[in-house]
Amino acid sequence: MDNTSLNGRAEGAAPEGEHANGLRAYAALGRYLSADGWFPQPVEDTYSYRMFYSGESGELRCYAIVRVDLEQFLFYAVAGVRVPEERRLAAAEFITRANYGMRIGNFEMDFRDGEVRYKSSLDFEGELLSDNLIRNAIYPAVRIMDEYLPGLMKVAFGGKSPEEA
């Protein structure tokens, strides 16, 4: 995941008062991630953190992003492998089938490089970004990605059809 797709780019120091709620949210996110044992690594020049999650199906690279200007929180759980070009259409069908009925978040795939991620997000405009809101965005994302990762792998590398997986 390149930094330009994080959409949390910091354009220098914000003047006092500007984006105050978004900046408070970023600070709250860092405190929560540290206290919850995520070992967050700030991503340079962004209002985002990178961390890792070890699930039953594999290791996930994760990004927690605050759009301080829009007062939005986004969380991405990124699969550790990329779908080969010749399997991307089948993977897209698998993802579309998986997305149907999802209540919190959705799968996304970058057709340029085969990256697959699960996104959970919320708009906290005018509200404080609480520990409960953060937790309720993060944990469904990593659990769902971990649950569907074996099927994605069967489609991407095991020659299975989206329906079979």
Protein backbone atom coordinates (compact mmCIF):
# COMPACT_ATOMS: atom_id res chain seq x y z
CA MET A 1 0.00 0.00 0.00
CA ASP A 2 1.59 3.26 -1.03
CA ASN A 3 1.26 6.38 1.10
CA THR A 4 -0.79 8.24 -1.51
CA SER A 5 -3.62 5.72 -1.14
CA LEU A 6 -3.76 6.29 2.62
CA ASN A 7 -5.52 9.65 2.10
CA GLY A 8 -4.31 10.77 5.47
CA ARG A 9 -1.45 12.91 4.23
CA ALA A 10 -0.43 15.71 6.54
CA GLU A 11 0.19 18.98 4.75
CA GLY A 12 2.39 20.45 7.50
CA ALA A 13 1.43 21.56 10.96
CA ALA A 14 -2.22 22.52 11.30
CA PRO A 15 -2.86 25.97 12.74
CA GLU A 16 -4.17 25.99 16.27
CA GLY A 17 -7.86 25.09 16.27
CA GLU A 18 -7.97 23.95 12.65
CA HIS A 19 -9.01 20.29 12.39
CA ALA A 20 -8.92 20.09 16.20
CA ASN A 21 -11.35 17.17 16.43
CA GLY A 22 -9.47 15.23 13.77
CA LEU A 23 -6.16 15.82 15.53
CA ARG A 24 -7.68 14.72 18.86
CA ALA A 25 -8.91 11.59 17.09
CA TYR A 26 -5.44 10.82 15.77
CA ALA A 27 -4.00 11.16 19.28
CA ALA A 28 -6.79 8.98 20.72
CA LEU A 29 -6.16 6.36 18.03
CA GLY A 30 -2.46 6.19 18.90
CA ARG A 31 -3.23 5.82 22.60
CA TYR A 32 -5.81 3.09 21.96
CA LEU A 33 -3.56 1.09 19.61
CA SER A 34 -0.66 1.23 22.07
CA ALA A 35 -2.80 0.29 25.07
CA ASP A 36 -4.43 -2.57 23.13
CA GLY A 37 -1.07 -4.11 22.21
CA TRP A 38 -0.95 -3.27 18.50
CA PHE A 39 2.55 -1.69 18.57
CA PRO A 40 1.56 1.02 16.08
CA GLN A 41 4.23 2.51 13.81
CA PRO A 42 3.42 6.06 12.65
CA VAL A 43 3.54 6.41 8.86
CA GLU A 44 5.66 9.42 7.98
CA ASP A 45 3.84 12.56 6.76
CA THR A 46 0.40 11.05 7.37
CA TYR A 47 -2.10 10.80 10.18
CA SER A 48 -1.88 7.02 10.09
CA TYR A 49 -0.34 4.02 11.80
CA ARG A 50 0.94 0.74 10.39
CA MET A 51 0.81 -2.46 12.41
CA PHE A 52 0.53 -6.22 11.99
CA TYR A 53 -2.03 -8.80 12.99
CA SER A 54 -1.34 -12.53 13.21
CA GLY A 55 -4.50 -14.47 12.55
CA GLU A 56 -5.24 -18.16 12.15
CA SER A 57 -4.96 -17.83 8.36
CA GLY A 58 -1.87 -15.66 8.14
CA GLU A 59 -0.24 -12.35 8.90
CA LEU A 60 -2.02 -9.15 7.91
CA ARG A 61 -0.51 -5.72 7.41
CA CYS A 62 -2.88 -3.14 8.86
CA TYR A 63 -3.30 0.62 8.51
CA ALA A 64 -5.30 2.83 10.85
CA ILE A 65 -5.90 6.23 9.28
CA VAL A 66 -7.52 9.41 10.48
CA ARG A 67 -8.59 11.94 7.86
CA VAL A 68 -8.26 14.89 10.20
CA ASP A 69 -9.75 17.27 7.63
CA LEU A 70 -12.89 15.16 7.10
CA GLU A 71 -13.14 13.63 10.60
CA GLN A 72 -13.12 10.12 9.22
CA PHE A 73 -11.46 6.94 10.51
CA LEU A 74 -10.43 4.18 8.12
CA PHE A 75 -8.93 0.81 8.95
CA TYR A 76 -7.41 -1.52 6.36
CA ALA A 77 -6.43 -5.16 6.88
CA VAL A 78 -4.22 -6.07 3.92
CA ALA A 79 -3.58 -9.63 2.76
CA GLY A 80 0.08 -10.65 2.84
CA VAL A 81 0.05 -11.84 -0.76
CA ARG A 82 -0.98 -10.29 -4.05
CA VAL A 83 -3.30 -11.98 -6.51
CA PRO A 84 -1.51 -12.91 -9.76
CA GLU A 85 -2.73 -10.96 -12.78
CA GLU A 86 -4.25 -14.02 -14.46
CA ARG A 87 -6.41 -14.75 -11.38
CA ARG A 88 -7.62 -11.19 -10.63
CA LEU A 89 -10.99 -11.53 -12.37
CA ALA A 90 -11.74 -14.73 -10.43
CA ALA A 91 -10.57 -13.05 -7.22
CA ALA A 92 -12.82 -10.06 -7.99
CA GLU A 93 -15.78 -12.42 -8.28
CA PHE A 94 -14.84 -14.08 -4.99
CA ILE A 95 -14.62 -10.65 -3.32
CA THR A 96 -17.94 -9.54 -4.79
CA ARG A 97 -19.62 -12.69 -3.51
CA ALA A 98 -18.04 -12.16 -0.08
CA ASN A 99 -19.05 -8.49 0.05
CA TYR A 100 -22.72 -9.24 -0.53
CA GLY A 101 -24.41 -8.97 2.83
CA MET A 102 -21.40 -7.53 4.68
CA ARG A 103 -22.70 -5.15 7.32
CA ILE A 104 -19.45 -3.58 8.45
CA GLY A 105 -16.85 -2.85 5.81
CA ASN A 106 -15.95 -4.41 2.48
CA PHE A 107 -13.20 -6.09 0.51
CA GLU A 108 -11.27 -4.14 -2.14
CA MET A 109 -8.75 -5.26 -4.74
CA ASP A 110 -6.31 -3.10 -6.67
CA PHE A 111 -6.35 -4.49 -10.22
CA ARG A 112 -2.99 -2.84 -10.92
CA ASP A 113 -0.99 -4.94 -8.46
CA GLY A 114 -3.38 -7.54 -7.01
CA GLU A 115 -3.41 -6.15 -3.46
CA VAL A 116 -6.49 -7.25 -1.51
CA ARG A 117 -7.62 -5.50 1.63
CA TYR A 118 -10.61 -5.27 3.90
CA LYS A 119 -11.76 -1.76 4.79
CA SER A 120 -13.79 -0.65 7.76
CA SER A 121 -14.53 3.05 8.17
CA LEU A 122 -16.64 5.59 9.97
CA ASP A 123 -17.38 9.28 9.97
CA PHE A 124 -17.03 10.84 13.43
CA GLU A 125 -17.78 14.43 12.41
CA GLY A 126 -18.55 16.47 15.51
CA GLU A 127 -18.03 13.47 17.82
CA LEU A 128 -15.05 12.18 19.74
CA LEU A 129 -13.37 9.09 18.31
CA SER A 130 -13.79 6.77 21.29
CA ASP A 131 -12.09 3.50 22.15
CA ASN A 132 -15.35 1.67 21.42
CA LEU A 133 -15.66 3.18 17.94
CA ILE A 134 -12.03 2.31 17.17
CA ARG A 135 -12.41 -1.25 18.48
CA ASN A 136 -15.67 -1.75 16.56
CA ALA A 137 -13.95 -0.79 13.32
CA ILE A 138 -10.68 -2.66 13.79
CA TYR A 139 -11.67 -6.07 15.06
CA PRO A 140 -14.37 -6.90 12.51
CA ALA A 141 -11.91 -6.00 9.73
CA VAL A 142 -9.11 -8.31 10.88
CA ARG A 143 -11.50 -11.13 11.78
CA ILE A 144 -13.31 -11.00 8.44
CA MET A 145 -10.07 -10.84 6.45
CA ASP A 146 -8.72 -13.76 8.47
CA GLU A 147 -11.92 -15.74 7.86
CA TYR A 148 -11.99 -15.18 4.08
CA LEU A 149 -8.24 -15.37 3.44
CA PRO A 150 -8.19 -19.17 2.91
CA GLY A 151 -10.89 -18.90 0.21
CA LEU A 152 -9.06 -16.04 -1.47
CA MET A 153 -5.87 -18.12 -1.48
CA LYS A 154 -7.72 -21.06 -3.07
CA VAL A 155 -8.94 -18.79 -5.86
CA ALA A 156 -5.65 -16.93 -6.33
CA PHE A 157 -3.25 -19.86 -6.10
CA GLY A 158 -5.21 -23.11 -5.83
CA GLY A 159 -7.11 -23.03 -9.10
CA LYS A 160 -10.50 -23.05 -7.35
CA SER A 161 -13.46 -21.16 -8.75
CA PRO A 162 -15.00 -18.40 -6.63
CA GLU A 163 -18.03 -20.61 -6.04
CA GLU A 164 -15.89 -23.58 -4.94
CA ALA A 165 -13.85 -21.45 -2.56
